[in-house]
Structure formats: structure tokens, C-alpha cells
Amino acid sequence: MLARRLLLGAVAGATGTAVLNLTTYLDMAIRARPSSQMPAEAADELTDKVGLPLAGEDDGDEAAQARKTALGALFGFATGIGLGASFGALRPALRSVPTSVLAAGVGLSATVASSGPLVALGLTDPTEWGAEGWVSDLVPHLAYGLATVLVHDALDLE
């Protein structure tokens, strides 16, 4: 039963992650803003801390940058899928909570789960983001929360 709940939540979290990415890319297209380098910087920082080189002797800076970008994206997918799995496990205890409140809670949890490590690594300071920065961060995460909750509940046939 728990395995089914985790799997169902992971599928919902993967869908939520796709919605988060779509929302982010839509924002980038509308406002003509560049993609964030923060995930790649976090990957670089984390691989340095564990002593994992991103480029071999025959690789150049281009290979290391490609690996940083890929690892940053993979960390994002792992966060979204993992948070979805956690939601799936907790959902039975939250049956009486309205969908809108759940969606906001899951979305805000995603914000903390993605930004928390960046803050801990000293790569960003949310107190310096300003209103535009907060909106750019919160809107996709809230879209993630809504998609994750709605997909989970649509697939949950119990």
C-alpha cells in the first residue's frame, strides 16, 4: 500500500515538475529573460564538496559546464519527484484539507526544497530577490503544487 502511494505521488510529482518547467519556460519566453544558472552553480558546488570532478583530463571547460547544467536539471527532477512521492505517502492523512490549501502547501514546500539548498550553499539570499524575483520563483512552484495535487487525486482510485 505504501509503495503504491509513493509511486502514485512520484508520478504526480513528475507531472508537476513538467508543469513547473513549462511555466518557467513560458515566463522566459514572455519576458525574454535568460535561464537561471543557479542549478548549475549548485551542482558545481555540491560536486566540489564531495570531490567529484566534472571534467576529466581530456575534457575541457565546455564538458564540465555541460555536466553542471545536466546535474542541476537532474537535481530539480529528483526534488520534484521526491516531493511528489512524499505527498503521495501523506495524502491519506490530508483528505479533509481543501485542494487549494494542499496545492499551496505543496508548492511552497517545493519552493523551500529547491531554494533551501541554494541558500545553505551561500549561492542566493532570498531577502535580496525583490518582488519580481519572488514572483518568478513562486509562480512555477505553485503551478507545480497544483498540478501535483490534481494529478495525484485524479489517479487515486481508492
Protein backbone atom coordinates (compact mmCIF):
# COMPACT_ATOMS: atom_id res chain seq x y z
CA MET A 1 0.00 0.00 0.00
CA LEU A 2 2.76 2.48 0.91
CA ALA A 3 4.69 1.53 -2.24
CA ARG A 4 1.62 2.29 -4.34
CA ARG A 5 1.17 5.65 -2.60
CA LEU A 6 4.83 6.55 -3.15
CA LEU A 7 4.64 5.56 -6.82
CA LEU A 8 1.42 7.46 -7.37
CA GLY A 9 2.93 10.51 -5.70
CA ALA A 10 6.11 10.20 -7.76
CA VAL A 11 4.07 10.15 -10.98
CA ALA A 12 2.14 13.21 -9.81
CA GLY A 13 5.41 14.91 -8.83
CA ALA A 14 6.91 14.17 -12.25
CA THR A 15 3.86 15.75 -13.87
CA GLY A 16 4.13 18.71 -11.51
CA THR A 17 7.80 19.07 -12.45
CA ALA A 18 6.86 19.17 -16.13
CA VAL A 19 4.28 21.88 -15.37
CA LEU A 20 6.88 23.82 -13.36
CA ASN A 21 9.29 23.67 -16.30
CA LEU A 22 6.59 24.68 -18.78
CA THR A 23 5.60 27.62 -16.58
CA THR A 24 9.23 28.70 -16.24
CA TYR A 25 9.88 28.49 -19.99
CA LEU A 26 6.68 30.39 -20.71
CA ASP A 27 7.84 33.13 -18.35
CA MET A 28 11.24 33.19 -20.08
CA ALA A 29 9.58 33.47 -23.50
CA ILE A 30 7.17 36.23 -22.44
CA ARG A 31 9.71 38.33 -20.57
CA ALA A 32 12.72 37.39 -22.72
CA ARG A 33 14.69 36.51 -19.62
CA PRO A 34 17.63 34.11 -19.66
CA SER A 35 17.58 30.79 -17.88
CA SER A 36 18.89 30.65 -14.34
CA GLN A 37 22.42 29.41 -13.85
CA MET A 38 21.66 28.66 -10.20
CA PRO A 39 21.03 24.89 -10.65
CA ALA A 40 24.36 24.51 -12.48
CA GLU A 41 26.13 26.54 -9.80
CA ALA A 42 24.60 24.32 -7.11
CA ALA A 43 25.75 21.20 -8.97
CA ASP A 44 29.24 22.66 -9.23
CA GLU A 45 29.29 23.49 -5.53
CA LEU A 46 27.97 20.08 -4.47
CA THR A 47 30.33 18.11 -6.69
CA ASP A 48 33.25 20.15 -5.33
CA LYS A 49 32.17 19.36 -1.76
CA VAL A 50 32.09 15.59 -2.42
CA GLY A 51 35.25 15.65 -4.54
CA LEU A 52 33.62 14.59 -7.80
CA PRO A 53 35.38 16.14 -10.79
CA LEU A 54 33.08 17.27 -13.59
CA ALA A 55 35.75 17.19 -16.26
CA GLY A 56 38.39 14.57 -16.93
CA GLU A 57 41.94 15.24 -18.09
CA ASP A 58 40.84 15.15 -21.74
CA ASP A 59 37.68 17.21 -21.14
CA GLY A 60 37.58 20.96 -21.33
CA ASP A 61 35.56 23.59 -19.53
CA GLU A 62 32.76 23.00 -22.02
CA ALA A 63 32.34 19.40 -20.84
CA ALA A 64 32.31 20.48 -17.19
CA GLN A 65 29.70 23.16 -17.93
CA ALA A 66 27.53 20.65 -19.77
CA ARG A 67 27.73 18.26 -16.81
CA LYS A 68 26.90 21.06 -14.34
CA THR A 69 23.85 22.04 -16.38
CA ALA A 70 22.68 18.42 -16.64
CA LEU A 71 23.23 17.70 -12.94
CA GLY A 72 21.39 20.90 -11.98
CA ALA A 73 18.39 19.79 -14.03
CA LEU A 74 18.55 16.26 -12.63
CA PHE A 75 18.56 17.65 -9.07
CA GLY A 76 15.39 19.56 -9.96
CA PHE A 77 13.69 16.42 -11.28
CA ALA A 78 14.76 14.47 -8.19
CA THR A 79 13.36 17.20 -5.94
CA GLY A 80 10.03 17.33 -7.79
CA ILE A 81 9.57 13.58 -8.00
CA GLY A 82 10.72 13.04 -4.41
CA LEU A 83 8.41 15.73 -3.07
CA GLY A 84 5.55 14.20 -5.06
CA ALA A 85 6.30 10.78 -3.57
CA SER A 86 6.26 12.31 -0.10
CA PHE A 87 2.91 13.94 -0.85
CA GLY A 88 1.57 10.58 -2.04
CA ALA A 89 2.56 8.98 1.26
CA LEU A 90 0.97 11.78 3.30
CA ARG A 91 -2.18 12.28 1.21
CA PRO A 92 -4.42 9.83 3.13
CA ALA A 93 -3.89 11.84 6.31
CA LEU A 94 -4.80 15.05 4.49
CA ARG A 95 -8.17 14.02 2.98
CA SER A 96 -10.09 16.79 4.74
CA VAL A 97 -7.73 19.56 3.58
CA PRO A 98 -9.11 21.56 0.63
CA THR A 99 -7.33 21.14 -2.70
CA SER A 100 -6.37 24.82 -2.86
CA VAL A 101 -4.67 24.65 0.54
CA LEU A 102 -2.89 21.41 -0.38
CA ALA A 103 -1.73 22.88 -3.69
CA ALA A 104 -0.35 25.97 -1.96
CA GLY A 105 1.34 23.83 0.70
CA VAL A 106 2.94 21.51 -1.84
CA GLY A 107 4.00 24.47 -3.97
CA LEU A 108 5.55 26.30 -1.03
CA SER A 109 7.25 23.07 0.05
CA ALA A 110 8.74 22.83 -3.44
CA THR A 111 9.99 26.41 -3.14
CA VAL A 112 11.73 25.58 0.13
CA ALA A 113 13.06 22.25 -1.19
CA SER A 114 14.59 23.88 -4.25
CA SER A 115 15.77 27.18 -2.77
CA GLY A 116 16.81 25.89 0.67
CA PRO A 117 19.94 24.11 -0.55
CA LEU A 118 20.91 27.15 -2.63
CA VAL A 119 20.63 29.35 0.44
CA ALA A 120 22.56 26.80 2.54
CA LEU A 121 25.35 26.75 -0.05
CA GLY A 122 25.50 30.55 0.04
CA LEU A 123 24.52 30.85 -3.64
CA THR A 124 21.48 33.06 -3.10
CA ASP A 125 19.81 35.22 -0.49
CA PRO A 126 16.00 35.43 -0.79
CA THR A 127 15.98 38.72 1.12
CA GLU A 128 17.66 40.27 -1.93
CA TRP A 129 15.32 38.86 -4.61
CA GLY A 130 12.78 41.68 -4.78
CA ALA A 131 9.15 41.28 -5.86
CA GLU A 132 9.95 40.21 -9.43
CA GLY A 133 12.37 37.54 -8.22
CA TRP A 134 9.84 36.16 -5.76
CA VAL A 135 7.09 36.04 -8.39
CA SER A 136 9.45 34.29 -10.84
CA ASP A 137 10.18 31.69 -8.19
CA LEU A 138 6.76 31.27 -6.58
CA VAL A 139 4.50 31.07 -9.64
CA PRO A 140 6.15 27.97 -11.16
CA HIS A 141 6.33 26.28 -7.75
CA LEU A 142 2.66 26.98 -7.08
CA ALA A 143 1.86 25.58 -10.54
CA TYR A 144 3.89 22.50 -9.52
CA GLY A 145 1.83 22.18 -6.33
CA LEU A 146 -1.49 22.47 -8.12
CA ALA A 147 -0.54 20.00 -10.85
CA THR A 148 0.88 17.52 -8.36
CA VAL A 149 -2.24 17.55 -6.16
CA LEU A 150 -4.70 17.43 -9.08
CA VAL A 151 -2.89 14.63 -10.91
CA HIS A 152 -2.46 12.63 -7.72
CA ASP A 153 -6.12 12.91 -6.84
CA ALA A 154 -7.26 12.16 -10.40
CA LEU A 155 -5.19 8.97 -10.45
CA ASP A 156 -6.00 7.88 -6.90
CA LEU A 157 -8.87 5.48 -7.38
CA GLU A 158 -9.21 4.43 -3.74
